[in-house]
Protein backbone atom coordinates (compact mmCIF):
# COMPACT_ATOMS: atom_id res chain seq x y z
CA MET A 1 -117.53 115.60 39.51
CA VAL A 2 -113.91 115.72 40.60
CA PRO A 3 -113.54 114.86 44.32
CA GLN A 4 -112.51 117.54 46.82
CA VAL A 5 -109.21 115.76 47.45
CA CYS A 6 -107.82 115.28 43.98
CA PRO A 7 -106.42 111.75 43.56
CA ARG A 8 -103.30 110.96 41.69
CA LEU A 9 -104.77 108.50 39.17
CA VAL A 10 -107.84 108.69 36.96
CA ARG A 11 -108.93 105.61 35.04
CA PHE A 12 -111.16 105.44 31.98
CA GLY A 13 -111.43 102.53 29.55
CA VAL A 14 -107.95 101.07 28.99
CA PHE A 15 -106.26 104.33 30.04
CA GLU A 16 -104.94 105.69 33.31
CA VAL A 17 -103.92 109.30 33.86
CA ASP A 18 -101.37 110.26 36.50
CA LEU A 19 -102.32 113.85 37.31
CA GLY A 20 -99.32 114.30 39.57
CA SER A 21 -96.66 113.37 37.02
CA GLY A 22 -98.59 114.35 33.89
CA GLU A 23 -98.36 110.84 32.39
CA LEU A 24 -100.81 108.78 30.36
CA PHE A 25 -100.82 104.97 30.40
CA LYS A 26 -102.59 102.49 28.15
CA ASN A 27 -102.84 98.91 29.45
CA GLY A 28 -99.96 99.73 31.79
CA GLN A 29 -97.73 101.02 28.97
CA LYS A 30 -96.75 104.67 28.97
CA VAL A 31 -98.14 106.69 26.05
CA HIS A 32 -96.40 109.80 24.78
CA ILE A 33 -98.60 112.88 25.11
CA GLU A 34 -97.65 116.55 24.81
CA GLU A 35 -98.16 118.88 27.73
CA GLN A 36 -100.80 120.98 25.95
CA LEU A 37 -102.86 117.89 25.09
CA PHE A 38 -102.52 116.60 28.64
CA GLN A 39 -103.93 119.86 29.97
CA VAL A 40 -106.95 119.59 27.66
CA LEU A 41 -107.53 115.99 28.80
CA SER A 42 -107.24 116.95 32.47
CA ILE A 43 -109.82 119.74 32.10
CA LEU A 44 -112.28 117.38 30.40
CA LEU A 45 -111.74 114.72 33.10
CA GLU A 46 -112.69 117.23 35.80
CA LYS A 47 -116.26 117.25 34.47
CA PRO A 48 -117.01 113.77 33.09
CA GLY A 49 -120.35 113.70 31.30
CA GLN A 50 -120.67 117.50 31.44
CA LEU A 51 -120.16 120.24 28.90
CA VAL A 52 -116.84 122.04 28.93
CA THR A 53 -117.28 125.21 26.86
CA ARG A 54 -114.75 126.48 24.39
CA LYS A 55 -114.65 129.71 26.39
CA GLU A 56 -113.55 127.83 29.52
CA LEU A 57 -110.87 125.95 27.62
CA GLN A 58 -109.58 129.23 26.16
CA GLN A 59 -109.33 130.86 29.58
CA ARG A 60 -107.49 127.93 31.15
CA LEU A 61 -105.17 127.11 28.29
CA TRP A 62 -104.20 130.58 27.05
CA PRO A 63 -103.69 133.61 29.29
CA GLN A 64 -105.36 136.88 28.39
CA ASP A 65 -102.16 138.42 27.08
CA THR A 66 -101.54 135.51 24.69
CA PHE A 67 -102.17 136.29 21.03
CA VAL A 68 -103.09 133.09 19.21
CA ASP A 69 -105.71 131.86 16.77
CA PHE A 70 -107.71 130.23 19.54
CA GLU A 71 -110.39 128.63 17.37
CA HIS A 72 -107.92 126.90 15.08
CA SER A 73 -105.52 125.94 17.88
CA LEU A 74 -108.25 124.34 20.00
CA ASN A 75 -109.60 122.37 17.06
CA VAL A 76 -106.12 121.05 16.33
CA ASP A 77 -105.53 120.12 20.00
CA ILE A 78 -108.80 118.18 20.22
CA GLN A 79 -108.03 116.39 16.96
CA ARG A 80 -104.55 115.39 18.14
CA LEU A 81 -105.85 114.31 21.56
CA ARG A 82 -108.38 112.06 19.87
CA HIS A 83 -105.57 110.54 17.82
CA VAL A 84 -103.61 109.72 21.00
CA LEU A 85 -106.69 108.06 22.54
CA GLY A 86 -107.66 106.25 19.34
CA ASP A 87 -110.93 108.19 19.25
CA SER A 88 -112.86 109.79 16.39
CA ALA A 89 -115.31 112.68 16.04
CA GLU A 90 -117.72 110.56 13.96
CA ASN A 91 -117.97 107.70 16.48
CA PRO A 92 -116.66 109.13 19.75
CA ARG A 93 -115.84 106.86 22.68
CA TYR A 94 -114.17 109.47 24.87
CA ILE A 95 -114.59 113.04 23.61
CA GLU A 96 -117.92 114.20 22.19
CA THR A 97 -118.25 117.47 20.25
CA LEU A 98 -121.18 119.77 21.03
CA LEU A 99 -121.36 121.95 17.95
CA ARG A 100 -120.33 125.58 18.53
CA ARG A 101 -120.53 125.02 22.28
CA GLY A 102 -117.69 122.85 23.47
CA TYR A 103 -116.81 119.25 24.35
CA ARG A 104 -117.91 116.54 26.76
CA PHE A 105 -116.01 113.53 28.09
CA ILE A 106 -118.49 110.65 27.71
CA CYS A 107 -116.49 107.64 28.93
CA PRO A 108 -117.06 106.50 32.55
CA VAL A 109 -114.31 107.79 34.82
CA GLU A 110 -112.95 106.16 37.98
CA TRP A 111 -111.07 108.26 40.52
CA LEU A 112 -108.51 106.10 42.28
CA PRO A 113 -107.49 106.76 45.90
CA LEU A 114 -104.21 108.38 46.80
CA ASP A 115 -102.63 105.14 48.04
CA THR A 116 -103.16 103.39 44.69
CA PRO A 117 -99.80 102.21 43.35
CA PRO A 118 -98.78 103.50 39.93
CA PRO A 119 -99.74 101.33 36.96
CA ILE A 120 -97.43 98.41 36.31
CA PRO A 121 -96.47 97.94 32.64
CA SER A 122 -97.84 94.75 31.19
CA ALA A 123 -95.35 92.06 30.19
CA SER A 124 -94.25 92.29 26.58
CA PRO A 125 -94.08 89.19 24.33
CA ASN A 126 -90.26 89.41 24.27
CA SER A 127 -90.03 89.22 28.04
CA MET A 128 -92.35 86.22 28.08
CA VAL A 129 -90.12 84.47 25.54
CA GLY A 130 -87.08 85.13 27.70
CA LEU A 131 -88.88 83.77 30.74
CA SER A 132 -89.90 80.55 29.00
CA SER A 133 -86.40 80.00 27.62
CA SER A 134 -84.85 80.48 31.05
CA MET A 135 -87.27 77.98 32.55
CA ASN A 136 -86.23 75.39 29.97
CA GLN A 137 -82.53 75.70 30.86
CA PRO A 138 -81.19 73.27 33.52
CA ALA A 139 -80.31 74.71 36.90
CA ALA A 140 -76.65 75.62 37.19
CA SER A 141 -76.51 74.48 40.82
CA LEU A 142 -77.01 70.79 39.97
CA THR A 143 -73.99 68.63 40.57
CA GLU A 144 -72.75 66.02 38.13
CA ALA A 145 -74.10 63.18 40.31
CA GLU A 146 -77.53 64.83 40.56
CA ALA A 147 -77.57 65.36 36.81
CA LYS A 148 -76.86 61.64 36.27
CA LEU A 149 -79.69 60.70 38.62
CA ALA A 150 -82.05 63.05 36.85
CA LYS A 151 -81.13 61.61 33.45
CA PRO A 152 -83.41 58.68 32.53
CA THR A 153 -81.70 55.30 32.16
CA PRO A 154 -82.45 53.46 28.92
CA ILE A 155 -84.14 50.07 29.32
CA GLU A 156 -82.69 47.15 27.36
CA VAL A 157 -85.30 44.90 25.81
CA PRO A 158 -84.14 41.22 25.42
CA THR A 159 -84.22 39.79 21.93
CA VAL A 160 -86.63 36.88 21.53
CA GLN A 161 -85.74 34.28 18.91
CA VAL A 162 -88.66 32.70 17.17
CA ALA A 163 -88.30 29.00 16.25
CA PRO A 164 -88.88 28.21 12.59
CA GLU A 165 -92.22 26.80 11.74
CA ILE A 166 -92.15 23.02 11.29
CA SER A 167 -94.58 21.55 8.83
CA PRO A 168 -96.33 18.35 9.90
CA PRO A 169 -95.14 15.15 8.15
CA GLU A 170 -97.03 14.08 5.15
CA ARG A 171 -99.36 11.19 5.68
CA PRO A 172 -98.61 8.11 3.53
CA VAL A 173 -101.03 7.26 0.87
CA VAL A 174 -102.79 4.13 1.82
CA GLU A 175 -104.45 2.18 -0.88
CA GLU A 176 -107.65 0.79 0.13
CA SER A 177 -110.25 -0.84 -1.83
CA ARG A 178 -113.80 -0.93 -1.29
CA GLN A 179 -116.58 -2.37 -3.09
CA ARG A 180 -119.62 -0.52 -3.94
CA GLU A 181 -122.67 -2.02 -5.11
CA ASP A 182 -124.50 -0.33 -7.81
CA SER A 183 -127.92 -1.63 -8.10
CA SER A 184 -130.29 -0.65 -10.75
CA VAL A 185 -133.68 -1.84 -11.58
CA VAL A 186 -134.23 -2.75 -15.16
CA ASP A 187 -137.66 -3.19 -16.66
CA MET A 188 -137.56 -6.09 -19.05
CA GLY A 189 -140.92 -6.65 -20.74
CA GLY A 190 -142.89 -6.04 -17.63
CA ARG A 191 -140.47 -8.01 -15.56
CA THR A 192 -138.28 -6.49 -13.04
CA ALA A 193 -134.69 -7.61 -12.88
CA LEU A 194 -132.07 -6.58 -10.48
CA SER A 195 -128.73 -5.89 -12.02
CA GLU A 196 -125.77 -5.66 -9.84
CA ARG A 197 -122.35 -4.41 -10.75
CA ARG A 198 -119.37 -4.69 -8.63
CA TYR A 199 -116.30 -2.60 -9.16
CA GLU A 200 -113.23 -1.78 -7.23
CA VAL A 201 -112.26 1.80 -6.45
CA LYS A 202 -108.76 2.76 -5.60
CA LYS A 203 -108.17 5.73 -3.40
């Protein structure tokens, strides 16, 4: 039910309706809507969740002395209003059709108080790009000395010379001799003889 003191703003889903100025907003962005369609939307918002008959819409939209094809005109207005809201008759989110009777606004409605500020348009991507680019620019108030202090000073890394690798001196070949004894046991007719050979090995 519409409150006794009619507020300025009505909110449903992502939309807000300013009844005072006759404006429709979606996510803070103003949406173009014709006056006739806005009147149909306002009448439906007065009775959220309730049936609004076609007879009532006819009486409030067209005076008695107006000659118009009411049935066709109302059908066209509802169809165009659904297009503005992104709604459909097959899967309604806002406006439900009650066959041969009328229409019902099925989305939850929030009546905002009179002191509610008007909706603020959401920031567009272009404005966000401009904001980020302005933040990246250096401040114009910086003096030359402050700019030098803010600029990082490069650090010089000393060059380290590596000494060439020195191979150790070759050891002289020392001849040495040694004697090895090679002993073997020879079996000579049942007798055991010890044969020794001596030889000299050079290294």
